[in-house]
């Protein structure tokens, strides 16, 4: 996928497919013991990183993602 970029010499630049956020929701895990919620927090960050390493762009900023996941997991 490409998009016009008038500031780029060729006029085109690759665009990563964007995943609309917030996704996925971790709210269903908020009643787990705190230790398990922290493990899920680490997993959520690793999953997002893995998607980005595959070239996917997240519509939700990293700061918004962290804030949302912490709120959903109540940590």
N, C-alpha and C. Protein backbone atom coordinates (compact mmCIF):
# COMPACT_ATOMS: atom_id res chain seq x y z
N UNK A 1 0.85 -1.17 0.00
CA UNK A 1 0.00 0.00 0.00
C UNK A 1 0.89 1.23 0.00
N UNK A 2 0.53 2.23 -0.79
CA UNK A 2 1.30 3.47 -0.83
C UNK A 2 0.36 4.66 -0.70
N UNK A 3 0.92 5.77 -0.34
CA UNK A 3 0.17 7.02 -0.23
C UNK A 3 1.01 8.14 -0.81
N UNK A 4 0.35 9.14 -1.35
CA UNK A 4 1.07 10.28 -1.89
C UNK A 4 1.69 11.09 -0.76
N UNK A 5 2.96 11.41 -0.93
CA UNK A 5 3.68 12.23 0.05
C UNK A 5 4.47 13.26 -0.74
N UNK A 6 3.96 14.47 -0.80
CA UNK A 6 4.59 15.50 -1.62
C UNK A 6 5.95 15.93 -1.10
N UNK A 7 6.29 15.61 0.14
CA UNK A 7 7.59 15.96 0.70
C UNK A 7 8.65 14.92 0.40
N UNK A 8 8.26 13.77 -0.09
CA UNK A 8 9.19 12.68 -0.40
C UNK A 8 9.60 12.84 -1.87
N UNK A 9 10.89 12.63 -2.19
CA UNK A 9 11.36 12.84 -3.56
C UNK A 9 10.56 12.06 -4.61
N UNK A 10 10.18 10.85 -4.32
CA UNK A 10 9.44 10.05 -5.29
C UNK A 10 7.94 10.33 -5.25
N UNK A 11 7.48 11.03 -4.24
CA UNK A 11 6.07 11.33 -4.12
C UNK A 11 5.25 10.23 -3.48
N UNK A 12 5.86 9.08 -3.29
CA UNK A 12 5.16 7.95 -2.68
C UNK A 12 5.96 7.41 -1.52
N UNK A 13 5.27 6.91 -0.55
CA UNK A 13 5.95 6.26 0.57
C UNK A 13 5.09 5.07 0.99
N UNK A 14 5.71 4.01 1.48
CA UNK A 14 4.91 2.87 1.93
C UNK A 14 4.12 3.23 3.18
N UNK A 15 2.95 2.70 3.27
CA UNK A 15 2.09 2.93 4.43
C UNK A 15 1.74 1.58 5.03
N UNK A 16 1.95 1.43 6.33
CA UNK A 16 1.61 0.18 7.00
C UNK A 16 0.11 0.11 7.20
N UNK A 17 -0.46 -1.09 7.05
CA UNK A 17 -1.89 -1.24 7.36
C UNK A 17 -2.12 -0.86 8.82
N UNK A 18 -3.16 -0.11 9.08
CA UNK A 18 -3.44 0.33 10.45
C UNK A 18 -4.51 -0.55 11.08
N UNK A 19 -4.27 -0.91 12.34
CA UNK A 19 -5.26 -1.64 13.12
C UNK A 19 -5.99 -0.61 13.96
N UNK A 20 -7.29 -0.53 13.77
CA UNK A 20 -8.08 0.43 14.54
C UNK A 20 -8.14 -0.01 15.99
N UNK A 21 -7.99 0.93 16.89
CA UNK A 21 -8.01 0.59 18.31
C UNK A 21 -9.26 1.13 18.96
N UNK A 22 -9.50 0.92 20.17
CA UNK A 22 -8.69 0.06 21.03
C UNK A 22 -9.00 -1.41 20.80
N UNK A 23 -7.97 -2.20 20.69
CA UNK A 23 -8.14 -3.62 20.42
C UNK A 23 -6.92 -4.36 20.91
N UNK A 24 -7.00 -5.51 21.46
CA UNK A 24 -8.19 -6.11 22.05
C UNK A 24 -8.47 -5.52 23.43
N UNK A 25 -9.60 -5.90 23.99
CA UNK A 25 -9.96 -5.43 25.34
C UNK A 25 -9.48 -6.44 26.38
N UNK A 26 -8.97 -5.93 27.47
CA UNK A 26 -8.50 -6.78 28.56
C UNK A 26 -9.40 -6.64 29.79
N UNK A 27 -10.54 -5.97 29.64
CA UNK A 27 -11.43 -5.69 30.77
C UNK A 27 -11.96 -6.96 31.43
N UNK A 28 -12.13 -8.02 30.66
CA UNK A 28 -12.68 -9.25 31.23
C UNK A 28 -11.73 -9.92 32.22
N UNK A 29 -10.48 -9.45 32.29
CA UNK A 29 -9.50 -10.05 33.19
C UNK A 29 -9.29 -9.26 34.48
N UNK A 30 -10.05 -8.19 34.69
CA UNK A 30 -9.80 -7.31 35.84
C UNK A 30 -10.06 -7.98 37.19
N UNK A 31 -10.78 -9.10 37.22
CA UNK A 31 -11.05 -9.78 38.48
C UNK A 31 -10.04 -10.88 38.81
N UNK A 32 -9.05 -11.07 37.95
CA UNK A 32 -8.00 -12.05 38.23
C UNK A 32 -7.10 -11.52 39.35
N UNK A 33 -6.35 -12.41 39.99
CA UNK A 33 -5.38 -11.95 40.99
C UNK A 33 -4.37 -10.98 40.36
N UNK A 34 -3.86 -10.08 41.19
CA UNK A 34 -2.97 -9.02 40.69
C UNK A 34 -1.78 -9.58 39.92
N UNK A 35 -1.17 -10.63 40.40
CA UNK A 35 0.00 -11.22 39.72
C UNK A 35 -0.35 -11.61 38.28
N UNK A 36 -1.50 -12.24 38.10
CA UNK A 36 -1.91 -12.66 36.76
C UNK A 36 -2.23 -11.46 35.86
N UNK A 37 -2.77 -10.39 36.45
CA UNK A 37 -3.05 -9.18 35.66
C UNK A 37 -1.75 -8.54 35.18
N UNK A 38 -0.69 -8.57 36.02
CA UNK A 38 0.60 -8.02 35.59
C UNK A 38 1.20 -8.88 34.47
N UNK A 39 1.00 -10.19 34.54
CA UNK A 39 1.47 -11.07 33.46
C UNK A 39 0.74 -10.72 32.16
N UNK A 40 -0.57 -10.51 32.24
CA UNK A 40 -1.34 -10.12 31.06
C UNK A 40 -0.89 -8.77 30.51
N UNK A 41 -0.55 -7.85 31.40
CA UNK A 41 -0.04 -6.54 30.98
C UNK A 41 1.22 -6.73 30.13
N UNK A 42 2.14 -7.55 30.60
CA UNK A 42 3.36 -7.84 29.84
C UNK A 42 3.05 -8.50 28.51
N UNK A 43 2.08 -9.41 28.51
CA UNK A 43 1.68 -10.08 27.28
C UNK A 43 1.07 -9.11 26.29
N UNK A 44 0.26 -8.18 26.79
CA UNK A 44 -0.37 -7.19 25.92
C UNK A 44 0.69 -6.33 25.23
N UNK A 45 1.70 -5.91 25.98
CA UNK A 45 2.78 -5.11 25.39
C UNK A 45 3.56 -5.92 24.36
N UNK A 46 3.84 -7.18 24.68
CA UNK A 46 4.59 -8.03 23.75
C UNK A 46 3.79 -8.29 22.48
N UNK A 47 2.47 -8.49 22.61
CA UNK A 47 1.62 -8.74 21.45
C UNK A 47 1.59 -7.51 20.53
N UNK A 48 1.46 -6.35 21.12
CA UNK A 48 1.46 -5.11 20.32
C UNK A 48 2.79 -4.96 19.59
N UNK A 49 3.89 -5.21 20.31
CA UNK A 49 5.21 -5.11 19.70
C UNK A 49 5.36 -6.09 18.54
N UNK A 50 4.86 -7.32 18.72
CA UNK A 50 4.95 -8.33 17.66
C UNK A 50 4.18 -7.89 16.42
N UNK A 51 3.00 -7.31 16.61
CA UNK A 51 2.23 -6.82 15.47
C UNK A 51 2.97 -5.69 14.75
N UNK A 52 3.58 -4.80 15.51
CA UNK A 52 4.31 -3.70 14.90
C UNK A 52 5.56 -4.19 14.17
N UNK A 53 6.21 -5.21 14.69
CA UNK A 53 7.38 -5.77 14.01
C UNK A 53 7.00 -6.43 12.69
N UNK A 54 5.75 -6.84 12.56
CA UNK A 54 5.26 -7.42 11.31
C UNK A 54 4.85 -6.34 10.31
N UNK A 55 4.98 -5.07 10.72
CA UNK A 55 4.68 -3.97 9.82
C UNK A 55 3.31 -3.36 10.00
N UNK A 56 2.56 -3.79 11.00
CA UNK A 56 1.24 -3.22 11.23
C UNK A 56 1.35 -1.97 12.09
N UNK A 57 0.58 -0.98 11.76
CA UNK A 57 0.56 0.27 12.52
C UNK A 57 -0.70 0.29 13.37
N UNK A 58 -0.56 0.73 14.59
CA UNK A 58 -1.70 0.80 15.50
C UNK A 58 -2.27 2.21 15.46
N UNK A 59 -3.58 2.32 15.32
CA UNK A 59 -4.24 3.63 15.32
C UNK A 59 -4.16 4.27 16.70
N UNK A 60 -4.13 3.44 17.74
CA UNK A 60 -4.06 3.92 19.12
C UNK A 60 -2.60 4.19 19.47
N UNK A 61 -2.29 5.36 20.00
CA UNK A 61 -0.91 5.67 20.37
C UNK A 61 -0.45 4.73 21.49
N UNK A 62 0.87 4.61 21.63
CA UNK A 62 1.41 3.72 22.66
C UNK A 62 0.99 4.18 24.05
N UNK A 63 1.06 5.49 24.30
CA UNK A 63 0.67 6.01 25.61
C UNK A 63 -0.80 5.73 25.90
N UNK A 64 -1.66 5.92 24.89
CA UNK A 64 -3.09 5.64 25.07
C UNK A 64 -3.32 4.15 25.31
N UNK A 65 -2.55 3.31 24.61
CA UNK A 65 -2.64 1.86 24.78
C UNK A 65 -2.30 1.47 26.22
N UNK A 66 -1.17 1.97 26.73
CA UNK A 66 -0.74 1.65 28.09
C UNK A 66 -1.78 2.13 29.10
N UNK A 67 -2.26 3.34 28.93
CA UNK A 67 -3.27 3.89 29.85
C UNK A 67 -4.54 3.03 29.83
N UNK A 68 -4.98 2.64 28.64
CA UNK A 68 -6.20 1.84 28.51
C UNK A 68 -6.02 0.45 29.14
N UNK A 69 -4.92 -0.21 28.83
CA UNK A 69 -4.70 -1.56 29.36
C UNK A 69 -4.59 -1.53 30.88
N UNK A 70 -3.89 -0.54 31.42
CA UNK A 70 -3.78 -0.42 32.88
C UNK A 70 -5.16 -0.21 33.51
N UNK A 71 -5.98 0.62 32.88
CA UNK A 71 -7.33 0.86 33.41
C UNK A 71 -8.18 -0.40 33.31
N UNK A 72 -8.09 -1.10 32.18
CA UNK A 72 -8.90 -2.31 31.99
C UNK A 72 -8.48 -3.42 32.95
N UNK A 73 -7.19 -3.50 33.25
CA UNK A 73 -6.70 -4.54 34.18
C UNK A 73 -6.71 -4.07 35.63
N UNK A 74 -7.06 -2.81 35.84
CA UNK A 74 -7.10 -2.22 37.19
C UNK A 74 -5.76 -2.36 37.90
N UNK A 75 -4.69 -1.96 37.18
CA UNK A 75 -3.34 -1.99 37.77
C UNK A 75 -2.71 -0.61 37.69
